[in-house]
Amino acid sequence: NLENDAFLLDQLNRSEHLGAVPIQIICSFPKVRHLHAYARNLSVSIAPNVDPQLVRIALDASDIVTVSEDGFWISPKRPYHRLVSDA
């Protein structure tokens, strides 16, 4: 799915940690916010922001992504096709 996600590929390519995205970006995704709200039995509109620590804990055992030691960055474990700029 990553190969089809232009937004995430762009973030991976331009991040200060090339090949990783800030965990805050993942926390801002609507599906993550919905899961967080559902787990807390809240409406998404009134749910607090998703705690990055919860996302880190959830992803620690992932076979798909790696969380940096500082917990601020997430990167894919498998190689992905980098977008090449036309400029």
N, C-alpha and C. Protein backbone atom coordinates (compact mmCIF):
# COMPACT_ATOMS: atom_id res chain seq x y z
N ASN A 1 0.82 -1.19 0.00
CA ASN A 1 0.00 0.00 0.00
C ASN A 1 0.86 1.26 0.00
N LEU A 2 2.04 1.21 0.59
CA LEU A 2 2.91 2.38 0.64
C LEU A 2 3.23 2.89 -0.76
N GLU A 3 3.48 1.99 -1.69
CA GLU A 3 3.83 2.40 -3.05
C GLU A 3 2.73 3.22 -3.71
N ASN A 4 1.50 3.11 -3.21
CA ASN A 4 0.37 3.85 -3.77
C ASN A 4 0.01 5.09 -2.98
N ASP A 5 0.73 5.38 -1.93
CA ASP A 5 0.41 6.51 -1.07
C ASP A 5 1.38 7.66 -1.34
N ALA A 6 0.99 8.56 -2.24
CA ALA A 6 1.87 9.66 -2.64
C ALA A 6 2.25 10.55 -1.46
N PHE A 7 1.31 10.77 -0.55
CA PHE A 7 1.59 11.63 0.61
C PHE A 7 2.70 11.02 1.47
N LEU A 8 2.56 9.76 1.83
CA LEU A 8 3.57 9.12 2.67
C LEU A 8 4.92 9.01 1.96
N LEU A 9 4.89 8.67 0.68
CA LEU A 9 6.15 8.60 -0.06
C LEU A 9 6.84 9.95 -0.09
N ASP A 10 6.07 11.00 -0.27
CA ASP A 10 6.64 12.34 -0.26
C ASP A 10 7.26 12.65 1.10
N GLN A 11 6.56 12.29 2.17
CA GLN A 11 7.08 12.52 3.52
C GLN A 11 8.36 11.73 3.76
N LEU A 12 8.39 10.49 3.30
CA LEU A 12 9.58 9.65 3.47
C LEU A 12 10.77 10.23 2.71
N ASN A 13 10.52 10.79 1.55
CA ASN A 13 11.59 11.31 0.70
C ASN A 13 12.12 12.66 1.14
N ARG A 14 11.33 13.43 1.83
CA ARG A 14 11.79 14.77 2.19
C ARG A 14 12.03 14.98 3.67
N SER A 15 11.84 13.95 4.44
CA SER A 15 12.05 14.03 5.89
C SER A 15 13.51 14.31 6.21
N GLU A 16 13.75 14.97 7.35
CA GLU A 16 15.13 15.17 7.80
C GLU A 16 15.79 13.84 8.11
N HIS A 17 14.98 12.81 8.39
CA HIS A 17 15.45 11.44 8.55
C HIS A 17 14.99 10.69 7.31
N LEU A 18 15.73 10.79 6.22
CA LEU A 18 15.32 10.21 4.95
C LEU A 18 14.88 8.76 5.14
N GLY A 19 13.69 8.46 4.67
CA GLY A 19 13.16 7.11 4.79
C GLY A 19 12.33 6.89 6.03
N ALA A 20 12.08 7.96 6.80
CA ALA A 20 11.26 7.84 8.00
C ALA A 20 10.30 9.03 8.06
N VAL A 21 9.16 8.81 8.72
CA VAL A 21 8.20 9.90 8.91
C VAL A 21 8.04 10.14 10.41
N PRO A 22 7.77 11.39 10.78
CA PRO A 22 7.52 11.66 12.20
C PRO A 22 6.28 10.91 12.68
N ILE A 23 6.35 10.38 13.87
CA ILE A 23 5.21 9.64 14.42
C ILE A 23 3.96 10.53 14.50
N GLN A 24 4.17 11.84 14.64
CA GLN A 24 3.04 12.78 14.70
C GLN A 24 2.19 12.72 13.43
N ILE A 25 2.82 12.47 12.29
CA ILE A 25 2.06 12.35 11.04
C ILE A 25 1.14 11.15 11.11
N ILE A 26 1.64 10.03 11.60
CA ILE A 26 0.82 8.83 11.73
C ILE A 26 -0.33 9.10 12.71
N CYS A 27 -0.04 9.80 13.79
CA CYS A 27 -1.07 10.12 14.79
C CYS A 27 -2.17 11.00 14.22
N SER A 28 -1.86 11.76 13.19
CA SER A 28 -2.86 12.67 12.62
C SER A 28 -3.76 12.00 11.58
N PHE A 29 -3.45 10.78 11.17
CA PHE A 29 -4.26 10.11 10.16
C PHE A 29 -5.67 9.86 10.70
N PRO A 30 -6.67 10.10 9.86
CA PRO A 30 -8.06 9.88 10.30
C PRO A 30 -8.32 8.47 10.84
N LYS A 31 -7.78 7.45 10.20
CA LYS A 31 -8.04 6.08 10.70
C LYS A 31 -7.44 5.87 12.09
N VAL A 32 -6.27 6.43 12.33
CA VAL A 32 -5.63 6.30 13.64
C VAL A 32 -6.46 7.06 14.68
N ARG A 33 -6.91 8.27 14.32
CA ARG A 33 -7.75 9.04 15.23
C ARG A 33 -9.06 8.32 15.53
N HIS A 34 -9.66 7.68 14.51
CA HIS A 34 -10.89 6.92 14.73
C HIS A 34 -10.66 5.74 15.66
N LEU A 35 -9.56 5.00 15.44
CA LEU A 35 -9.26 3.86 16.32
C LEU A 35 -9.04 4.32 17.75
N HIS A 36 -8.34 5.42 17.91
CA HIS A 36 -8.08 5.97 19.24
C HIS A 36 -9.41 6.36 19.91
N ALA A 37 -10.27 7.04 19.17
CA ALA A 37 -11.56 7.46 19.73
C ALA A 37 -12.41 6.24 20.07
N TYR A 38 -12.42 5.24 19.18
CA TYR A 38 -13.21 4.03 19.41
C TYR A 38 -12.73 3.32 20.68
N ALA A 39 -11.41 3.22 20.84
CA ALA A 39 -10.85 2.54 22.01
C ALA A 39 -11.22 3.26 23.31
N ARG A 40 -11.41 4.56 23.22
CA ARG A 40 -11.78 5.35 24.41
C ARG A 40 -13.29 5.60 24.48
N ASN A 41 -14.03 5.00 23.55
CA ASN A 41 -15.47 5.14 23.50
C ASN A 41 -15.90 6.61 23.40
N LEU A 42 -15.18 7.35 22.53
CA LEU A 42 -15.46 8.76 22.32
C LEU A 42 -15.77 9.03 20.86
N SER A 43 -16.42 10.14 20.63
CA SER A 43 -16.62 10.62 19.27
C SER A 43 -15.30 11.17 18.79
N VAL A 44 -14.98 10.98 17.51
CA VAL A 44 -13.73 11.49 16.95
C VAL A 44 -13.66 13.00 17.13
N SER A 45 -14.80 13.68 17.04
CA SER A 45 -14.79 15.13 17.14
C SER A 45 -14.41 15.63 18.53
N ILE A 46 -14.60 14.80 19.56
CA ILE A 46 -14.25 15.24 20.92
C ILE A 46 -13.06 14.47 21.50
N ALA A 47 -12.55 13.50 20.75
CA ALA A 47 -11.42 12.71 21.24
C ALA A 47 -10.17 13.58 21.29
N PRO A 48 -9.37 13.40 22.33
CA PRO A 48 -8.11 14.16 22.39
C PRO A 48 -7.17 13.68 21.29
N ASN A 49 -6.13 14.44 21.06
CA ASN A 49 -5.13 14.02 20.08
C ASN A 49 -4.57 12.66 20.48
N VAL A 50 -4.18 11.90 19.48
CA VAL A 50 -3.63 10.57 19.71
C VAL A 50 -2.26 10.71 20.36
N ASP A 51 -2.04 9.97 21.42
CA ASP A 51 -0.77 9.98 22.13
C ASP A 51 0.26 9.21 21.32
N PRO A 52 1.34 9.87 20.89
CA PRO A 52 2.37 9.17 20.11
C PRO A 52 2.95 7.96 20.84
N GLN A 53 2.98 7.99 22.15
CA GLN A 53 3.48 6.85 22.93
C GLN A 53 2.61 5.61 22.68
N LEU A 54 1.31 5.80 22.58
CA LEU A 54 0.41 4.67 22.31
C LEU A 54 0.69 4.08 20.93
N VAL A 55 0.91 4.94 19.95
CA VAL A 55 1.21 4.47 18.59
C VAL A 55 2.54 3.73 18.59
N ARG A 56 3.53 4.28 19.29
CA ARG A 56 4.83 3.62 19.36
C ARG A 56 4.71 2.23 19.96
N ILE A 57 3.97 2.13 21.05
CA ILE A 57 3.78 0.83 21.71
C ILE A 57 3.08 -0.15 20.76
N ALA A 58 2.07 0.35 20.05
CA ALA A 58 1.33 -0.50 19.12
C ALA A 58 2.21 -0.99 17.97
N LEU A 59 3.17 -0.18 17.56
CA LEU A 59 4.01 -0.53 16.42
C LEU A 59 5.31 -1.23 16.78
N ASP A 60 5.64 -1.30 18.05
CA ASP A 60 6.91 -1.91 18.47
C ASP A 60 7.09 -3.33 17.95
N ALA A 61 6.04 -4.11 17.88
CA ALA A 61 6.15 -5.51 17.44
C ALA A 61 5.79 -5.69 15.96
N SER A 62 5.71 -4.59 15.23
CA SER A 62 5.31 -4.66 13.82
C SER A 62 6.34 -5.37 12.96
N ASP A 63 5.84 -6.14 11.99
CA ASP A 63 6.70 -6.76 10.99
C ASP A 63 6.88 -5.86 9.78
N ILE A 64 6.15 -4.73 9.77
CA ILE A 64 6.11 -3.87 8.59
C ILE A 64 6.92 -2.58 8.77
N VAL A 65 6.90 -2.03 9.98
CA VAL A 65 7.61 -0.77 10.22
C VAL A 65 8.54 -0.90 11.43
N THR A 66 9.48 0.04 11.49
CA THR A 66 10.41 0.14 12.61
C THR A 66 10.20 1.50 13.26
N VAL A 67 10.21 1.52 14.58
CA VAL A 67 10.13 2.77 15.32
C VAL A 67 11.54 3.09 15.81
N SER A 68 11.96 4.35 15.61
CA SER A 68 13.30 4.75 16.04
C SER A 68 13.45 4.61 17.55
N GLU A 69 14.69 4.53 18.00
CA GLU A 69 14.95 4.37 19.43
C GLU A 69 14.36 5.51 20.25
N ASP A 70 14.37 6.72 19.69
CA ASP A 70 13.81 7.86 20.43
C ASP A 70 12.28 7.91 20.35
N GLY A 71 11.69 7.06 19.50
CA GLY A 71 10.23 6.97 19.40
C GLY A 71 9.58 8.05 18.56
N PHE A 72 10.39 8.86 17.87
CA PHE A 72 9.83 9.97 17.10
C PHE A 72 9.66 9.68 15.61
N TRP A 73 10.28 8.62 15.11
CA TRP A 73 10.30 8.35 13.67
C TRP A 73 9.85 6.92 13.38
N ILE A 74 9.13 6.76 12.27
CA ILE A 74 8.68 5.44 11.82
C ILE A 74 9.17 5.25 10.39
N SER A 75 9.74 4.08 10.12
CA SER A 75 10.22 3.80 8.77
C SER A 75 9.82 2.38 8.37
N PRO A 76 9.63 2.17 7.06
CA PRO A 76 9.28 0.82 6.60
C PRO A 76 10.47 -0.12 6.73
N LYS A 77 10.18 -1.38 7.04
CA LYS A 77 11.25 -2.37 7.14
C LYS A 77 11.67 -2.85 5.76
N ARG A 78 10.73 -2.85 4.82
CA ARG A 78 11.04 -3.30 3.46
C ARG A 78 11.38 -2.10 2.58
N PRO A 79 12.20 -2.33 1.57
CA PRO A 79 12.51 -1.24 0.64
C PRO A 79 11.23 -0.76 -0.06
N TYR A 80 11.22 0.49 -0.41
CA TYR A 80 10.10 1.07 -1.14
C TYR A 80 10.66 1.87 -2.29
N HIS A 81 9.81 2.14 -3.28
CA HIS A 81 10.23 2.91 -4.44
C HIS A 81 10.15 4.39 -4.11
N ARG A 82 11.28 5.05 -4.13
CA ARG A 82 11.32 6.49 -3.86
C ARG A 82 10.77 7.24 -5.06
N LEU A 83 10.03 8.31 -4.77
CA LEU A 83 9.55 9.17 -5.84
C LEU A 83 10.73 9.97 -6.37
N VAL A 84 10.82 10.09 -7.65
CA VAL A 84 11.87 10.87 -8.25
C VAL A 84 11.25 12.15 -8.79
N SER A 85 11.80 13.27 -8.38
CA SER A 85 11.29 14.57 -8.80
C SER A 85 11.59 14.80 -10.28
N ASP A 86 10.64 15.42 -10.97
CA ASP A 86 10.82 15.76 -12.38
C ASP A 86 11.67 17.02 -12.55
N ALA A 87 11.88 17.75 -11.45
CA ALA A 87 12.60 19.03 -11.55
C ALA A 87 14.08 18.84 -11.69
